[in-house]
PDB file of N, CA and C in Angstrom:
ATOM      1  N   MET A   1     -25.098 -57.490  44.442  1.00  0.00           N
ATOM      2  CA  MET A   1     -24.853 -56.589  43.325  1.00  0.00           C
ATOM      3  C   MET A   1     -25.911 -55.486  43.333  1.00  0.00           C
ATOM      4  N   SER A   2     -25.489 -54.284  43.128  1.00  0.00           N
ATOM      5  CA  SER A   2     -26.440 -53.169  43.108  1.00  0.00           C
ATOM      6  C   SER A   2     -27.157 -53.127  41.761  1.00  0.00           C
ATOM      7  N   ASP A   3     -28.226 -52.363  41.723  1.00  0.00           N
ATOM      8  CA  ASP A   3     -28.988 -52.210  40.481  1.00  0.00           C
ATOM      9  C   ASP A   3     -28.127 -51.648  39.360  1.00  0.00           C
ATOM     10  N   GLU A   4     -27.275 -50.716  39.727  1.00  0.00           N
ATOM     11  CA  GLU A   4     -26.412 -50.109  38.718  1.00  0.00           C
ATOM     12  C   GLU A   4     -25.417 -51.131  38.151  1.00  0.00           C
ATOM     13  N   GLU A   5     -24.892 -51.973  38.996  1.00  0.00           N
ATOM     14  CA  GLU A   5     -23.967 -53.020  38.533  1.00  0.00           C
ATOM     15  C   GLU A   5     -24.681 -54.029  37.646  1.00  0.00           C
ATOM     16  N   GLN A   6     -25.923 -54.381  38.021  1.00  0.00           N
ATOM     17  CA  GLN A   6     -26.711 -55.304  37.198  1.00  0.00           C
ATOM     18  C   GLN A   6     -27.000 -54.694  35.830  1.00  0.00           C
ATOM     19  N   LEU A   7     -27.360 -53.429  35.842  1.00  0.00           N
ATOM     20  CA  LEU A   7     -27.634 -52.735  34.579  1.00  0.00           C
ATOM     21  C   LEU A   7     -26.388 -52.684  33.702  1.00  0.00           C
ATOM     22  N   GLU A   8     -25.258 -52.414  34.293  1.00  0.00           N
ATOM     23  CA  GLU A   8     -23.998 -52.383  33.545  1.00  0.00           C
ATOM     24  C   GLU A   8     -23.672 -53.764  32.977  1.00  0.00           C
ATOM     25  N   GLU A   9     -23.928 -54.822  33.737  1.00  0.00           N
ATOM     26  CA  GLU A   9     -23.693 -56.196  33.265  1.00  0.00           C
ATOM     27  C   GLU A   9     -24.596 -56.517  32.073  1.00  0.00           C
ATOM     28  N   ILE A  10     -25.855 -56.105  32.157  1.00  0.00           N
ATOM     29  CA  ILE A  10     -26.792 -56.326  31.043  1.00  0.00           C
ATOM     30  C   ILE A  10     -26.311 -55.578  29.806  1.00  0.00           C
ATOM     31  N   ARG A  11     -25.875 -54.352  29.976  1.00  0.00           N
ATOM     32  CA  ARG A  11     -25.361 -53.565  28.844  1.00  0.00           C
ATOM     33  C   ARG A  11     -24.135 -54.230  28.228  1.00  0.00           C
ATOM     34  N   ARG A  12     -23.245 -54.707  29.079  1.00  0.00           N
ATOM     35  CA  ARG A  12     -22.033 -55.359  28.597  1.00  0.00           C
ATOM     36  C   ARG A  12     -22.378 -56.610  27.788  1.00  0.00           C
ATOM     37  N   ARG A  13     -23.316 -57.425  28.313  1.00  0.00           N
ATOM     38  CA  ARG A  13     -23.724 -58.644  27.588  1.00  0.00           C
ATOM     39  C   ARG A  13     -24.378 -58.304  26.252  1.00  0.00           C
ATOM     40  N   LYS A  14     -25.242 -57.301  26.266  1.00  0.00           N
ATOM     41  CA  LYS A  14     -25.930 -56.890  25.038  1.00  0.00           C
ATOM     42  C   LYS A  14     -24.929 -56.388  24.004  1.00  0.00           C
ATOM     43  N   LEU A  15     -23.968 -55.598  24.452  1.00  0.00           N
ATOM     44  CA  LEU A  15     -22.939 -55.083  23.549  1.00  0.00           C
ATOM     45  C   LEU A  15     -22.117 -56.227  22.957  1.00  0.00           C
ATOM     46  N   GLU A  16     -21.779 -57.204  23.773  1.00  0.00           N
ATOM     47  CA  GLU A  16     -21.024 -58.372  23.296  1.00  0.00           C
ATOM     48  C   GLU A  16     -21.844 -59.168  22.279  1.00  0.00           C
ATOM     49  N   GLN A  17     -23.144 -59.300  22.558  1.00  0.00           N
ATOM     50  CA  GLN A  17     -24.025 -60.022  21.635  1.00  0.00           C
ATOM     51  C   GLN A  17     -24.104 -59.294  20.292  1.00  0.00           C
ATOM     52  N   LEU A  18     -24.247 -57.989  20.326  1.00  0.00           N
ATOM     53  CA  LEU A  18     -24.300 -57.202  19.085  1.00  0.00           C
ATOM     54  C   LEU A  18     -22.989 -57.288  18.312  1.00  0.00           C
ATOM     55  N   ARG A  19     -21.859 -57.277  19.036  1.00  0.00           N
ATOM     56  CA  ARG A  19     -20.558 -57.390  18.387  1.00  0.00           C
ATOM     57  C   ARG A  19     -20.424 -58.735  17.685  1.00  0.00           C
ATOM     58  N   MET A  20     -20.892 -59.807  18.345  1.00  0.00           N
ATOM     59  CA  MET A  20     -20.803 -61.140  17.743  1.00  0.00           C
ATOM     60  C   MET A  20     -21.711 -61.254  16.518  1.00  0.00           C
ATOM     61  N   GLN A  21     -22.906 -60.655  16.594  1.00  0.00           N
ATOM     62  CA  GLN A  21     -23.811 -60.672  15.444  1.00  0.00           C
ATOM     63  C   GLN A  21     -23.201 -59.921  14.261  1.00  0.00           C
ATOM     64  N   ALA A  22     -22.585 -58.792  14.528  1.00  0.00           N
ATOM     65  CA  ALA A  22     -21.952 -58.012  13.465  1.00  0.00           C
ATOM     66  C   ALA A  22     -20.795 -58.790  12.844  1.00  0.00           C
ATOM     67  N   GLU A  23     -20.043 -59.487  13.673  1.00  0.00           N
ATOM     68  CA  GLU A  23     -18.929 -60.294  13.183  1.00  0.00           C
ATOM     69  C   GLU A  23     -19.433 -61.444  12.307  1.00  0.00           C
ATOM     70  N   GLN A  24     -20.519 -62.095  12.738  1.00  0.00           N
ATOM     71  CA  GLN A  24     -21.097 -63.179  11.940  1.00  0.00           C
ATOM     72  C   GLN A  24     -21.605 -62.653  10.606  1.00  0.00           C
ATOM     73  N   GLN A  25     -22.267 -61.502  10.628  1.00  0.00           N
ATOM     74  CA  GLN A  25     -22.772 -60.906   9.399  1.00  0.00           C
ATOM     75  C   GLN A  25     -21.629 -60.566   8.452  1.00  0.00           C
ATOM     76  N   GLN A  26     -20.529 -60.070   9.003  1.00  0.00           N
ATOM     77  CA  GLN A  26     -19.369 -59.734   8.185  1.00  0.00           C
ATOM     78  C   GLN A  26     -18.780 -61.002   7.558  1.00  0.00           C
ATOM     79  N   ASN A  27     -18.740 -62.096   8.302  1.00  0.00           N
ATOM     80  CA  ASN A  27     -18.248 -63.362   7.762  1.00  0.00           C
ATOM     81  C   ASN A  27     -19.130 -63.860   6.631  1.00  0.00           C
ATOM     82  N   VAL A  28     -20.448 -63.753   6.800  1.00  0.00           N
ATOM     83  CA  VAL A  28     -21.376 -64.180   5.766  1.00  0.00           C
ATOM     84  C   VAL A  28     -21.182 -63.344   4.504  1.00  0.00           C
ATOM     85  N   GLU A  29     -21.054 -62.038   4.681  1.00  0.00           N
ATOM     86  CA  GLU A  29     -20.852 -61.153   3.530  1.00  0.00           C
ATOM     87  C   GLU A  29     -19.537 -61.457   2.824  1.00  0.00           C
ATOM     88  N   HIS A  30     -18.504 -61.749   3.588  1.00  0.00           N
ATOM     89  CA  HIS A  30     -17.213 -62.088   2.996  1.00  0.00           C
ATOM     90  C   HIS A  30     -17.310 -63.391   2.207  1.00  0.00           C
ATOM     91  N   GLN A  31     -17.981 -64.389   2.750  1.00  0.00           N
ATOM     92  CA  GLN A  31     -18.152 -65.657   2.041  1.00  0.00           C
ATOM     93  C   GLN A  31     -18.959 -65.457   0.764  1.00  0.00           C
ATOM     94  N   GLN A  32     -20.006 -64.628   0.824  1.00  0.00           N
ATOM     95  CA  GLN A  32     -20.815 -64.343  -0.359  1.00  0.00           C
ATOM     96  C   GLN A  32     -19.971 -63.638  -1.424  1.00  0.00           C
ATOM     97  N   TYR A  33     -19.131 -62.709  -0.997  1.00  0.00           N
ATOM     98  CA  TYR A  33     -18.258 -62.006  -1.924  1.00  0.00           C
ATOM     99  C   TYR A  33     -17.280 -62.981  -2.590  1.00  0.00           C
ATOM    100  N   GLU A  34     -16.682 -63.868  -1.800  1.00  0.00           N
ATOM    101  CA  GLU A  34     -15.758 -64.870  -2.340  1.00  0.00           C
ATOM    102  C   GLU A  34     -16.458 -65.764  -3.355  1.00  0.00           C
ATOM    103  N   TYR A  35     -17.661 -66.208  -3.026  1.00  0.00           N
ATOM    104  CA  TYR A  35     -18.445 -67.063  -3.919  1.00  0.00           C
ATOM    105  C   TYR A  35     -18.736 -66.345  -5.234  1.00  0.00           C
ATOM    106  N   GLU A  36     -19.202 -65.100  -5.140  1.00  0.00           N
ATOM    107  CA  GLU A  36     -19.524 -64.337  -6.346  1.00  0.00           C
ATOM    108  C   GLU A  36     -18.273 -64.093  -7.193  1.00  0.00           C
ATOM    109  N   THR A  37     -17.150 -63.832  -6.565  1.00  0.00           N
ATOM    110  CA  THR A  37     -15.899 -63.603  -7.289  1.00  0.00           C
ATOM    111  C   THR A  37     -15.476 -64.858  -8.044  1.00  0.00           C
ATOM    112  N   LYS A  38     -15.523 -65.995  -7.369  1.00  0.00           N
ATOM    113  CA  LYS A  38     -15.149 -67.260  -8.025  1.00  0.00           C
ATOM    114  C   LYS A  38     -16.101 -67.581  -9.164  1.00  0.00           C
ATOM    115  N   LYS A  39     -17.400 -67.367  -8.938  1.00  0.00           N
ATOM    116  CA  LYS A  39     -18.395 -67.641  -9.978  1.00  0.00           C
ATOM    117  C   LYS A  39     -18.148 -66.744 -11.184  1.00  0.00           C
ATOM    118  N   TYR A  40     -17.830 -65.476 -10.934  1.00  0.00           N
ATOM    119  CA  TYR A  40     -17.561 -64.533 -12.013  1.00  0.00           C
ATOM    120  C   TYR A  40     -16.357 -64.991 -12.840  1.00  0.00           C
ATOM    121  N   GLU A  41     -15.307 -65.427 -12.170  1.00  0.00           N
ATOM    122  CA  GLU A  41     -14.101 -65.885 -12.868  1.00  0.00           C
ATOM    123  C   GLU A  41     -14.399 -67.122 -13.720  1.00  0.00           C
ATOM    124  N   VAL A  42     -15.167 -68.046 -13.183  1.00  0.00           N
ATOM    125  CA  VAL A  42     -15.506 -69.253 -13.947  1.00  0.00           C
ATOM    126  C   VAL A  42     -16.375 -68.887 -15.143  1.00  0.00           C
ATOM    127  N   MET A  43     -17.326 -67.979 -14.948  1.00  0.00           N
ATOM    128  CA  MET A  43     -18.194 -67.583 -16.060  1.00  0.00           C
ATOM    129  C   MET A  43     -17.388 -66.868 -17.147  1.00  0.00           C
ATOM    130  N   ARG A  44     -16.349 -66.141 -16.772  1.00  0.00           N
ATOM    131  CA  ARG A  44     -15.475 -65.513 -17.784  1.00  0.00           C
ATOM    132  C   ARG A  44     -14.762 -66.573 -18.611  1.00  0.00           C
ATOM    133  N   LYS A  45     -14.462 -67.721 -18.004  1.00  0.00           N
ATOM    134  CA  LYS A  45     -13.834 -68.813 -18.744  1.00  0.00           C
ATOM    135  C   LYS A  45     -14.830 -69.504 -19.660  1.00  0.00           C
ATOM    136  N   ILE A  46     -16.083 -69.624 -19.210  1.00  0.00           N
ATOM    137  CA  ILE A  46     -17.091 -70.401 -19.932  1.00  0.00           C
ATOM    138  C   ILE A  46     -17.697 -69.627 -21.093  1.00  0.00           C
ATOM    139  N   LEU A  47     -18.059 -68.362 -20.861  1.00  0.00           N
ATOM    140  CA  LEU A  47     -18.811 -67.596 -21.866  1.00  0.00           C
ATOM    141  C   LEU A  47     -17.964 -66.509 -22.511  1.00  0.00           C
ATOM    142  N   SER A  48     -18.270 -66.256 -23.766  1.00  0.00           N
ATOM    143  CA  SER A  48     -17.653 -65.129 -24.469  1.00  0.00           C
ATOM    144  C   SER A  48     -18.260 -63.839 -23.919  1.00  0.00           C
ATOM    145  N   ALA A  49     -17.713 -62.719 -24.329  1.00  0.00           N
ATOM    146  CA  ALA A  49     -18.232 -61.417 -23.872  1.00  0.00           C
ATOM    147  C   ALA A  49     -19.697 -61.258 -24.276  1.00  0.00           C
ATOM    148  N   GLU A  50     -20.034 -61.698 -25.492  1.00  0.00           N
ATOM    149  CA  GLU A  50     -21.426 -61.603 -25.959  1.00  0.00           C
ATOM    150  C   GLU A  50     -22.329 -62.501 -25.119  1.00  0.00           C
ATOM    151  N   GLY A  51     -21.847 -63.688 -24.789  1.00  0.00           N
ATOM    152  CA  GLY A  51     -22.628 -64.612 -23.968  1.00  0.00           C
ATOM    153  C   GLY A  51     -22.854 -64.059 -22.566  1.00  0.00           C
ATOM    154  N   ARG A  52     -21.810 -63.451 -21.991  1.00  0.00           N
ATOM    155  CA  ARG A  52     -21.961 -62.848 -20.662  1.00  0.00           C
ATOM    156  C   ARG A  52     -22.962 -61.699 -20.706  1.00  0.00           C
ATOM    157  N   GLN A  53     -22.925 -60.917 -21.784  1.00  0.00           N
ATOM    158  CA  GLN A  53     -23.889 -59.819 -21.923  1.00  0.00           C
ATOM    159  C   GLN A  53     -25.308 -60.371 -22.050  1.00  0.00           C
ATOM    160  N   ARG A  54     -25.468 -61.441 -22.803  1.00  0.00           N
ATOM    161  CA  ARG A  54     -26.783 -62.079 -22.945  1.00  0.00           C
ATOM    162  C   ARG A  54     -27.284 -62.554 -21.580  1.00  0.00           C
ATOM    163  N   LEU A  55     -26.394 -63.162 -20.811  1.00  0.00           N
ATOM    164  CA  LEU A  55     -26.762 -63.644 -19.486  1.00  0.00           C
ATOM    165  C   LEU A  55     -27.159 -62.478 -18.571  1.00  0.00           C
ATOM    166  N   GLU A  56     -26.463 -61.367 -18.669  1.00  0.00           N
ATOM    167  CA  GLU A  56     -26.817 -60.190 -17.859  1.00  0.00           C
ATOM    168  C   GLU A  56     -28.174 -59.626 -18.272  1.00  0.00           C
ATOM    169  N   ASN A  57     -28.479 -59.673 -19.561  1.00  0.00           N
ATOM    170  CA  ASN A  57     -29.792 -59.235 -20.027  1.00  0.00           C
ATOM    171  C   ASN A  57     -30.886 -60.140 -19.455  1.00  0.00           C
ATOM    172  N   ILE A  58     -30.615 -61.439 -19.420  1.00  0.00           N
ATOM    173  CA  ILE A  58     -31.570 -62.380 -18.827  1.00  0.00           C
ATOM    174  C   ILE A  58     -31.729 -62.077 -17.340  1.00  0.00           C
ATOM    175  N   ARG A  59     -30.617 -61.768 -16.676  1.00  0.00           N
ATOM    176  CA  ARG A  59     -30.661 -61.481 -15.238  1.00  0.00           C
ATOM    177  C   ARG A  59     -31.559 -60.281 -14.925  1.00  0.00           C
ATOM    178  N   LEU A  60     -31.575 -59.290 -15.819  1.00  0.00           N
ATOM    179  CA  LEU A  60     -32.429 -58.118 -15.606  1.00  0.00           C
ATOM    180  C   LEU A  60     -33.906 -58.497 -15.588  1.00  0.00           C
ATOM    181  N   VAL A  61     -34.272 -59.472 -16.407  1.00  0.00           N
ATOM    182  CA  VAL A  61     -35.670 -59.868 -16.526  1.00  0.00           C
ATOM    183  C   VAL A  61     -36.014 -60.989 -15.541  1.00  0.00           C
ATOM    184  N   LYS A  62     -35.140 -61.994 -15.473  1.00  0.00           N
ATOM    185  CA  LYS A  62     -35.393 -63.164 -14.631  1.00  0.00           C
ATOM    186  C   LYS A  62     -34.133 -63.517 -13.835  1.00  0.00           C
ATOM    187  N   PRO A  63     -33.914 -62.866 -12.704  1.00  0.00           N
ATOM    188  CA  PRO A  63     -32.678 -63.100 -11.938  1.00  0.00           C
ATOM    189  C   PRO A  63     -32.501 -64.542 -11.478  1.00  0.00           C
ATOM    190  N   GLN A  64     -33.579 -65.189 -11.057  1.00  0.00           N
ATOM    191  CA  GLN A  64     -33.464 -66.567 -10.587  1.00  0.00           C
ATOM    192  C   GLN A  64     -33.120 -67.511 -11.733  1.00  0.00           C
ATOM    193  N   PHE A  65     -33.674 -67.257 -12.898  1.00  0.00           N
ATOM    194  CA  PHE A  65     -33.375 -68.081 -14.065  1.00  0.00           C
ATOM    195  C   PHE A  65     -31.918 -67.916 -14.473  1.00  0.00           C
ATOM    196  N   ALA A  66     -31.406 -66.686 -14.413  1.00  0.00           N
ATOM    197  CA  ALA A  66     -30.004 -66.438 -14.747  1.00  0.00           C
ATOM    198  C   ALA A  66     -29.088 -67.177 -13.780  1.00  0.00           C
ATOM    199  N   GLU A  67     -29.424 -67.171 -12.502  1.00  0.00           N
ATOM    200  CA  GLU A  67     -28.638 -67.888 -11.495  1.00  0.00           C
ATOM    201  C   GLU A  67     -28.662 -69.393 -11.790  1.00  0.00           C
ATOM    202  N   GLN A  68     -29.809 -69.889 -12.165  1.00  0.00           N
ATOM    203  CA  GLN A  68     -29.945 -71.311 -12.506  1.00  0.00           C
ATOM    204  C   GLN A  68     -29.088 -71.668 -13.722  1.00  0.00           C
ATOM    205  N   ILE A  69     -29.087 -70.806 -14.709  1.00  0.00           N
ATOM    206  CA  ILE A  69     -28.267 -71.027 -15.907  1.00  0.00           C
ATOM    207  C   ILE A  69     -26.793 -71.051 -15.527  1.00  0.00           C
ATOM    208  N   GLU A  70     -26.370 -70.097 -14.706  1.00  0.00           N
ATOM    209  CA  GLU A  70     -24.970 -70.050 -14.279  1.00  0.00           C
ATOM    210  C   GLU A  70     -24.571 -71.347 -13.579  1.00  0.00           C
ATOM    211  N   LEU A  71     -25.404 -71.799 -12.665  1.00  0.00           N
ATOM    212  CA  LEU A  71     -25.085 -73.030 -11.934  1.00  0.00           C
ATOM    213  C   LEU A  71     -24.998 -74.227 -12.877  1.00  0.00           C
ATOM    214  N   GLN A  72     -25.911 -74.306 -13.838  1.00  0.00           N
ATOM    215  CA  GLN A  72     -25.868 -75.407 -14.805  1.00  0.00           C
ATOM    216  C   GLN A  72     -24.613 -75.326 -15.668  1.00  0.00           C
ATOM    217  N   LEU A  73     -24.256 -74.139 -16.104  1.00  0.00           N
ATOM    218  CA  LEU A  73     -23.042 -73.975 -16.915  1.00  0.00           C
ATOM    219  C   LEU A  73     -21.795 -74.369 -16.132  1.00  0.00           C
ATOM    220  N   ILE A  74     -21.738 -73.965 -14.872  1.00  0.00           N
ATOM    221  CA  ILE A  74     -20.584 -74.307 -14.038  1.00  0.00           C
ATOM    222  C   ILE A  74     -20.498 -75.808 -13.833  1.00  0.00           C
ATOM    223  N   GLN A  75     -21.645 -76.460 -13.598  1.00  0.00           N
ATOM    224  CA  GLN A  75     -21.651 -77.913 -13.431  1.00  0.00           C
ATOM    225  C   GLN A  75     -21.196 -78.608 -14.706  1.00  0.00           C
ATOM    226  N   LEU A  76     -21.692 -78.147 -15.849  1.00  0.00           N
ATOM    227  CA  LEU A  76     -21.281 -78.733 -17.129  1.00  0.00           C
ATOM    228  C   LEU A  76     -19.786 -78.531 -17.361  1.00  0.00           C
ATOM    229  N   PHE A  77     -19.308 -77.345 -17.048  1.00  0.00           N
ATOM    230  CA  PHE A  77     -17.892 -77.023 -17.237  1.00  0.00           C
ATOM    231  C   PHE A  77     -17.011 -77.887 -16.334  1.00  0.00           C
ATOM    232  N   GLN A  78     -17.378 -78.003 -15.071  1.00  0.00           N
ATOM    233  CA  GLN A  78     -16.569 -78.767 -14.125  1.00  0.00           C
ATOM    234  C   GLN A  78     -16.600 -80.261 -14.411  1.00  0.00           C
ATOM    235  N   SER A  79     -17.689 -80.741 -14.978  1.00  0.00           N
ATOM    236  CA  SER A  79     -17.774 -82.168 -15.288  1.00  0.00           C
ATOM    237  C   SER A  79     -17.178 -82.490 -16.658  1.00  0.00           C
ATOM    238  N   GLY A  80     -16.772 -81.459 -17.408  1.00  0.00           N
ATOM    239  CA  GLY A  80     -16.158 -81.681 -18.708  1.00  0.00           C
ATOM    240  C   GLY A  80     -17.155 -81.928 -19.825  1.00  0.00           C
ATOM    241  N   LYS A  81     -18.406 -81.625 -19.594  1.00  0.00           N
ATOM    242  CA  LYS A  81     -19.445 -81.886 -20.596  1.00  0.00           C
ATOM    243  C   LYS A  81     -19.623 -80.752 -21.596  1.00  0.00           C
ATOM    244  N   LEU A  82     -18.966 -79.624 -21.353  1.00  0.00           N
ATOM    245  CA  LEU A  82     -19.009 -78.546 -22.345  1.00  0.00           C
ATOM    246  C   LEU A  82     -17.937 -78.833 -23.381  1.00  0.00           C
ATOM    247  N   LYS A  83     -18.378 -79.284 -24.515  1.00  0.00           N
ATOM    248  CA  LYS A  83     -17.431 -79.629 -25.580  1.00  0.00           C
ATOM    249  C   LYS A  83     -17.332 -78.464 -26.554  1.00  0.00           C
ATOM    250  N   GLY A  84     -16.231 -78.406 -27.229  1.00  0.00           N
ATOM    251  CA  GLY A  84     -16.044 -77.357 -28.211  1.00  0.00           C
ATOM    252  C   GLY A  84     -15.239 -76.208 -27.648  1.00  0.00           C
ATOM    253  N   ALA A  85     -15.426 -75.074 -28.273  1.00  0.00           N
ATOM    254  CA  ALA A  85     -14.626 -73.899 -27.922  1.00  0.00           C
ATOM    255  C   ALA A  85     -15.047 -73.326 -26.572  1.00  0.00           C
ATOM    256  N   ILE A  86     -14.064 -73.099 -25.763  1.00  0.00           N
ATOM    257  CA  ILE A  86     -14.277 -72.403 -24.495  1.00  0.00           C
ATOM    258  C   ILE A  86     -13.447 -71.132 -24.588  1.00  0.00           C
ATOM    259  N   PRO A  87     -13.955 -69.969 -24.421  1.00  0.00           N
ATOM    260  CA  PRO A  87     -15.312 -69.676 -24.003  1.00  0.00           C
ATOM    261  C   PRO A  87     -16.332 -69.948 -25.105  1.00  0.00           C
ATOM    262  N   LEU A  88     -17.550 -70.300 -24.679  1.00  0.00           N
ATOM    263  CA  LEU A  88     -18.612 -70.609 -25.635  1.00  0.00           C
ATOM    264  C   LEU A  88     -18.930 -69.377 -26.477  1.00  0.00           C
ATOM    265  N   PRO A  89     -18.955 -69.546 -27.784  1.00  0.00           N
ATOM    266  CA  PRO A  89     -19.400 -68.427 -28.622  1.00  0.00           C
ATOM    267  C   PRO A  89     -20.883 -68.151 -28.352  1.00  0.00           C
ATOM    268  N   ASP A  90     -21.340 -66.983 -28.699  1.00  0.00           N
ATOM    269  CA  ASP A  90     -22.717 -66.582 -28.421  1.00  0.00           C
ATOM    270  C   ASP A  90     -23.717 -67.552 -29.048  1.00  0.00           C
ATOM    271  N   LYS A  91     -23.429 -68.017 -30.265  1.00  0.00           N
ATOM    272  CA  LYS A  91     -24.362 -68.922 -30.941  1.00  0.00           C
ATOM    273  C   LYS A  91     -24.512 -70.235 -30.169  1.00  0.00           C
ATOM    274  N   ALA A  92     -23.413 -70.772 -29.672  1.00  0.00           N
ATOM    275  CA  ALA A  92     -23.471 -72.014 -28.890  1.00  0.00           C
ATOM    276  C   ALA A  92     -24.219 -71.775 -27.580  1.00  0.00           C
ATOM    277  N   PHE A  93     -24.020 -70.620 -26.976  1.00  0.00           N
ATOM    278  CA  PHE A  93     -24.727 -70.292 -25.737  1.00  0.00           C
ATOM    279  C   PHE A  93     -26.215 -70.164 -25.999  1.00  0.00           C
ATOM    280  N   LYS A  94     -26.597 -69.544 -27.125  1.00  0.00           N
ATOM    281  CA  LYS A  94     -28.012 -69.426 -27.473  1.00  0.00           C
ATOM    282  C   LYS A  94     -28.628 -70.809 -27.649  1.00  0.00           C
ATOM    283  N   ASN A  95     -27.903 -71.723 -28.306  1.00  0.00           N
ATOM    284  CA  ASN A  95     -28.420 -73.083 -28.481  1.00  0.00           C
ATOM    285  C   ASN A  95     -28.605 -73.778 -27.132  1.00  0.00           C
ATOM    286  N   LEU A  96     -27.660 -73.599 -26.246  1.00  0.00           N
ATOM    287  CA  LEU A  96     -27.743 -74.180 -24.912  1.00  0.00           C
ATOM    288  C   LEU A  96     -28.927 -73.594 -24.149  1.00  0.00           C
ATOM    289  N   LEU A  97     -29.143 -72.298 -24.274  1.00  0.00           N
ATOM    290  CA  LEU A  97     -30.292 -71.660 -23.631  1.00  0.00           C
ATOM    291  C   LEU A  97     -31.607 -72.217 -24.165  1.00  0.00           C
ATOM    292  N   GLU A  98     -31.651 -72.438 -25.477  1.00  0.00           N
ATOM    293  CA  GLU A  98     -32.865 -73.006 -26.070  1.00  0.00           C
ATOM    294  C   GLU A  98     -33.140 -74.401 -25.513  1.00  0.00           C
ATOM    295  N   GLN A  99     -32.089 -75.198 -25.349  1.00  0.00           N
ATOM    296  CA  GLN A  99     -32.266 -76.531 -24.763  1.00  0.00           C
ATOM    297  C   GLN A  99     -32.775 -76.429 -23.324  1.00  0.00           C
ATOM    298  N   ILE A 100     -32.197 -75.544 -22.554  1.00  0.00           N
ATOM    299  CA  ILE A 100     -32.602 -75.384 -21.154  1.00  0.00           C
ATOM    300  C   ILE A 100     -34.040 -74.898 -21.059  1.00  0.00           C
ATOM    301  N   THR A 101     -34.399 -73.891 -21.868  1.00  0.00           N
ATOM    302  CA  THR A 101     -35.754 -73.353 -21.793  1.00  0.00           C
ATOM    303  C   THR A 101     -36.780 -74.348 -22.316  1.00  0.00           C
ATOM    304  N   SER A 102     -36.417 -75.170 -23.281  1.00  0.00           N
ATOM    305  CA  SER A 102     -37.378 -76.173 -23.749  1.00  0.00           C
ATOM    306  C   SER A 102     -37.624 -77.218 -22.663  1.00  0.00           C
ATOM    307  N   LYS A 103     -36.601 -77.571 -21.889  1.00  0.00           N
ATOM    308  CA  LYS A 103     -36.791 -78.492 -20.765  1.00  0.00           C
ATOM    309  C   LYS A 103     -37.675 -77.854 -19.707  1.00  0.00           C
ATOM    310  N   GLU A 104     -37.490 -76.557 -19.461  1.00  0.00           N
ATOM    311  CA  GLU A 104     -38.296 -75.849 -18.472  1.00  0.00           C
ATOM    312  C   GLU A 104     -39.762 -75.821 -18.896  1.00  0.00           C
ATOM    313  N   LYS A 105     -40.002 -75.552 -20.175  1.00  0.00           N
ATOM    314  CA  LYS A 105     -41.380 -75.500 -20.657  1.00  0.00           C
ATOM    315  C   LYS A 105     -42.053 -76.858 -20.519  1.00  0.00           C
ATOM    316  N   LYS A 106     -41.313 -77.922 -20.836  1.00  0.00           N
ATOM    317  CA  LYS A 106     -41.882 -79.266 -20.699  1.00  0.00           C
ATOM    318  C   LYS A 106     -42.207 -79.559 -19.248  1.00  0.00           C
ATOM    319  N   ARG A 107     -41.343 -79.150 -18.336  1.00  0.00           N
ATOM    320  CA  ARG A 107     -41.561 -79.404 -16.908  1.00  0.00           C
ATOM    321  C   ARG A 107     -42.768 -78.634 -16.392  1.00  0.00           C
ATOM    322  N   ASN A 108     -42.967 -77.424 -16.879  1.00  0.00           N
ATOM    323  CA  ASN A 108     -44.050 -76.592 -16.363  1.00  0.00           C
ATOM    324  C   ASN A 108     -45.437 -77.055 -16.793  1.00  0.00           C
ATOM    325  N   PHE A 109     -45.520 -77.862 -17.834  1.00  0.00           N
ATOM    326  CA  PHE A 109     -46.813 -78.252 -18.343  1.00  0.00           C
ATOM    327  C   PHE A 109     -47.210 -79.678 -17.936  1.00  0.00           C
ATOM    328  N   ASN A 110     -46.567 -80.230 -16.950  1.00  0.00           N
ATOM    329  CA  ASN A 110     -46.947 -81.542 -16.442  1.00  0.00           C
ATOM    330  C   ASN A 110     -47.970 -81.386 -15.332  1.00  0.00           C
ATOM    331  N   ILE A 111     -49.164 -80.918 -15.684  1.00  0.00           N
ATOM    332  CA  ILE A 111     -50.225 -80.687 -14.709  1.00  0.00           C
ATOM    333  C   ILE A 111     -51.201 -81.854 -14.786  1.00  0.00           C
ATOM    334  N   LYS A 112     -51.450 -82.448 -13.648  1.00  0.00           N
ATOM    335  CA  LYS A 112     -52.373 -83.579 -13.576  1.00  0.00           C
ATOM    336  C   LYS A 112     -53.563 -83.189 -12.721  1.00  0.00           C
ATOM    337  N   LYS A 113     -54.725 -83.675 -13.131  1.00  0.00           N
ATOM    338  CA  LYS A 113     -55.945 -83.370 -12.359  1.00  0.00           C
ATOM    339  C   LYS A 113     -56.292 -84.522 -11.456  1.00  0.00           C
TER     340      LYS A 113
END
């Protein structure tokens, strides 16, 4: 094989590798989009408009905490532990947030020397 043929083979392999990486990235993005869409639909079922707005306000300040709240709400909803009116009225959501944050505060102060 000549140098030019070897160089062309290397280019072809590199191009194929880049194409596969782009395809994998596109699959990951599509899966993330599907996940976010499903989560959004479930949250629309769980929370009232006021509750969703409250959650978005929390997300602006503490994005990881908002994600944690969403996951807990979805787990409660799927297990049937959310009793009462669905979607949750804002007052019920505030009470649930208070319970969650009080558990977080208790967990954060378990410091041993």
